[in-house]
């Protein structure tokens, strides 16, 4: 069953986020794919955090964990955390 890593972000350091994106992209090759990357989300309901939304799709929880827990991504993650105020969650697909 596919899983989706959903991240809401308020970007505080655009250059730092670009550095993260380069490192994260290299770490995710063959592991997952970006479904949504939107830097100008339009809130419709409730309180929304930040202006950026990212949704990544993985084949299953094991594929997500292989990427997220990899040394390559763990090296990139502090770049995102220092460049943004973010919230992330893992959600299961319907199938």
C-alpha atoms as a PDB file:
ATOM      1  CA  UNK A   1       0.000   0.000   0.000  1.00  0.00           C
ATOM      2  CA  UNK A   2       1.387   3.406  -0.958  1.00  0.00           C
ATOM      3  CA  UNK A   3       2.249   5.859   1.793  1.00  0.00           C
ATOM      4  CA  UNK A   4       2.553   9.631   1.573  1.00  0.00           C
ATOM      5  CA  UNK A   5       4.929  11.884   3.483  1.00  0.00           C
ATOM      6  CA  UNK A   6       3.093  15.201   3.870  1.00  0.00           C
ATOM      7  CA  UNK A   7       5.019  18.284   5.004  1.00  0.00           C
ATOM      8  CA  UNK A   8       3.689  21.787   5.729  1.00  0.00           C
ATOM      9  CA  UNK A   9       6.437  24.404   5.869  1.00  0.00           C
ATOM     10  CA  UNK A  10       7.036  28.027   6.631  1.00  0.00           C
ATOM     11  CA  UNK A  11      10.276  28.816   4.806  1.00  0.00           C
ATOM     12  CA  UNK A  12      12.590  31.081   6.810  1.00  0.00           C
ATOM     13  CA  UNK A  13      15.799  30.588   4.775  1.00  0.00           C
ATOM     14  CA  UNK A  14      15.193  30.039   1.036  1.00  0.00           C
ATOM     15  CA  UNK A  15      18.899  29.478   0.270  1.00  0.00           C
ATOM     16  CA  UNK A  16      19.131  26.911   3.063  1.00  0.00           C
ATOM     17  CA  UNK A  17      16.041  25.159   1.712  1.00  0.00           C
ATOM     18  CA  UNK A  18      17.652  24.980  -1.742  1.00  0.00           C
ATOM     19  CA  UNK A  19      20.694  23.275  -0.180  1.00  0.00           C
ATOM     20  CA  UNK A  20      18.364  20.798   1.522  1.00  0.00           C
ATOM     21  CA  UNK A  21      16.471  20.102  -1.704  1.00  0.00           C
ATOM     22  CA  UNK A  22      19.687  19.220  -3.558  1.00  0.00           C
ATOM     23  CA  UNK A  23      20.777  16.816  -0.823  1.00  0.00           C
ATOM     24  CA  UNK A  24      17.304  15.318  -0.319  1.00  0.00           C
ATOM     25  CA  UNK A  25      16.761  14.824  -4.047  1.00  0.00           C
ATOM     26  CA  UNK A  26      19.985  12.811  -4.292  1.00  0.00           C
ATOM     27  CA  UNK A  27      18.950  10.695  -1.291  1.00  0.00           C
ATOM     28  CA  UNK A  28      15.525   9.842  -2.732  1.00  0.00           C
ATOM     29  CA  UNK A  29      16.526   8.631  -6.201  1.00  0.00           C
ATOM     30  CA  UNK A  30      14.709   5.376  -6.877  1.00  0.00           C
ATOM     31  CA  UNK A  31      12.971   5.439  -3.492  1.00  0.00           C
ATOM     32  CA  UNK A  32      10.005   7.787  -3.817  1.00  0.00           C
ATOM     33  CA  UNK A  33       8.531  10.515  -5.950  1.00  0.00           C
ATOM     34  CA  UNK A  34       7.221  14.018  -5.443  1.00  0.00           C
ATOM     35  CA  UNK A  35       3.466  14.310  -5.992  1.00  0.00           C
ATOM     36  CA  UNK A  36       3.037  17.930  -4.848  1.00  0.00           C
ATOM     37  CA  UNK A  37       5.529  20.729  -4.264  1.00  0.00           C
ATOM     38  CA  UNK A  38       3.624  24.007  -3.893  1.00  0.00           C
ATOM     39  CA  UNK A  39       5.218  27.181  -2.548  1.00  0.00           C
ATOM     40  CA  UNK A  40       1.956  29.144  -2.485  1.00  0.00           C
ATOM     41  CA  UNK A  41      -0.751  26.985  -0.897  1.00  0.00           C
ATOM     42  CA  UNK A  42      -4.209  28.552  -0.598  1.00  0.00           C
ATOM     43  CA  UNK A  43      -5.736  27.683   2.793  1.00  0.00           C
ATOM     44  CA  UNK A  44      -9.435  26.859   2.572  1.00  0.00           C
ATOM     45  CA  UNK A  45     -10.296  25.609   6.067  1.00  0.00           C
ATOM     46  CA  UNK A  46      -8.868  26.089   9.543  1.00  0.00           C
ATOM     47  CA  UNK A  47      -5.443  27.259  10.599  1.00  0.00           C
ATOM     48  CA  UNK A  48      -2.742  26.445   8.076  1.00  0.00           C
ATOM     49  CA  UNK A  49       0.940  26.267   8.844  1.00  0.00           C
ATOM     50  CA  UNK A  50       3.236  28.021   6.382  1.00  0.00           C
ATOM     51  CA  UNK A  51       2.873  28.585   2.667  1.00  0.00           C
ATOM     52  CA  UNK A  52       4.648  25.485   1.320  1.00  0.00           C
ATOM     53  CA  UNK A  53       3.228  21.982   0.956  1.00  0.00           C
ATOM     54  CA  UNK A  54       5.196  18.911  -0.113  1.00  0.00           C
ATOM     55  CA  UNK A  55       3.749  15.429  -0.655  1.00  0.00           C
ATOM     56  CA  UNK A  56       6.065  12.513  -1.445  1.00  0.00           C
ATOM     57  CA  UNK A  57       4.774   9.067  -2.429  1.00  0.00           C
ATOM     58  CA  UNK A  58       6.478   5.789  -1.497  1.00  0.00           C
ATOM     59  CA  UNK A  59       5.519   2.225  -2.440  1.00  0.00           C
ATOM     60  CA  UNK A  60       5.048   1.259   1.207  1.00  0.00           C
ATOM     61  CA  UNK A  61       6.110   2.057   4.762  1.00  0.00           C
ATOM     62  CA  UNK A  62       9.333   0.068   4.368  1.00  0.00           C
ATOM     63  CA  UNK A  63      10.353   2.144   1.318  1.00  0.00           C
ATOM     64  CA  UNK A  64       9.637   5.361   3.230  1.00  0.00           C
ATOM     65  CA  UNK A  65      11.666   4.167   6.225  1.00  0.00           C
ATOM     66  CA  UNK A  66      14.523   3.050   3.976  1.00  0.00           C
ATOM     67  CA  UNK A  67      14.712   6.609   2.630  1.00  0.00           C
ATOM     68  CA  UNK A  68      13.913   8.595   5.784  1.00  0.00           C
ATOM     69  CA  UNK A  69      16.281   6.600   8.005  1.00  0.00           C
ATOM     70  CA  UNK A  70      19.079   6.444   5.414  1.00  0.00           C
ATOM     71  CA  UNK A  71      22.387   8.113   6.287  1.00  0.00           C
ATOM     72  CA  UNK A  72      22.025  10.298   3.176  1.00  0.00           C
ATOM     73  CA  UNK A  73      18.642  11.710   4.186  1.00  0.00           C
ATOM     74  CA  UNK A  74      19.561  12.018   7.843  1.00  0.00           C
ATOM     75  CA  UNK A  75      22.516  14.167   6.733  1.00  0.00           C
ATOM     76  CA  UNK A  76      20.147  16.371   4.672  1.00  0.00           C
ATOM     77  CA  UNK A  77      17.341  16.651   7.251  1.00  0.00           C
ATOM     78  CA  UNK A  78      19.036  19.243   9.523  1.00  0.00           C
ATOM     79  CA  UNK A  79      19.264  21.570   6.508  1.00  0.00           C
ATOM     80  CA  UNK A  80      15.452  21.554   6.179  1.00  0.00           C
ATOM     81  CA  UNK A  81      14.855  21.835   9.891  1.00  0.00           C
ATOM     82  CA  UNK A  82      17.115  24.892  10.137  1.00  0.00           C
ATOM     83  CA  UNK A  83      15.651  26.535   6.997  1.00  0.00           C
ATOM     84  CA  UNK A  84      11.964  25.990   7.812  1.00  0.00           C
ATOM     85  CA  UNK A  85       9.419  25.690  10.565  1.00  0.00           C
ATOM     86  CA  UNK A  86       7.753  22.497   9.435  1.00  0.00           C
ATOM     87  CA  UNK A  87       5.266  19.780  10.298  1.00  0.00           C
ATOM     88  CA  UNK A  88       5.421  16.305   8.760  1.00  0.00           C
ATOM     89  CA  UNK A  89       3.181  13.239   8.815  1.00  0.00           C
ATOM     90  CA  UNK A  90       3.044   9.851   7.125  1.00  0.00           C
ATOM     91  CA  UNK A  91      -0.335   8.840   5.680  1.00  0.00           C
ATOM     92  CA  UNK A  92      -1.474   5.559   4.132  1.00  0.00           C
ATOM     93  CA  UNK A  93      -3.046   5.463   0.676  1.00  0.00           C
ATOM     94  CA  UNK A  94      -6.475   4.020  -0.052  1.00  0.00           C
ATOM     95  CA  UNK A  95      -5.431   0.831  -1.763  1.00  0.00           C
END
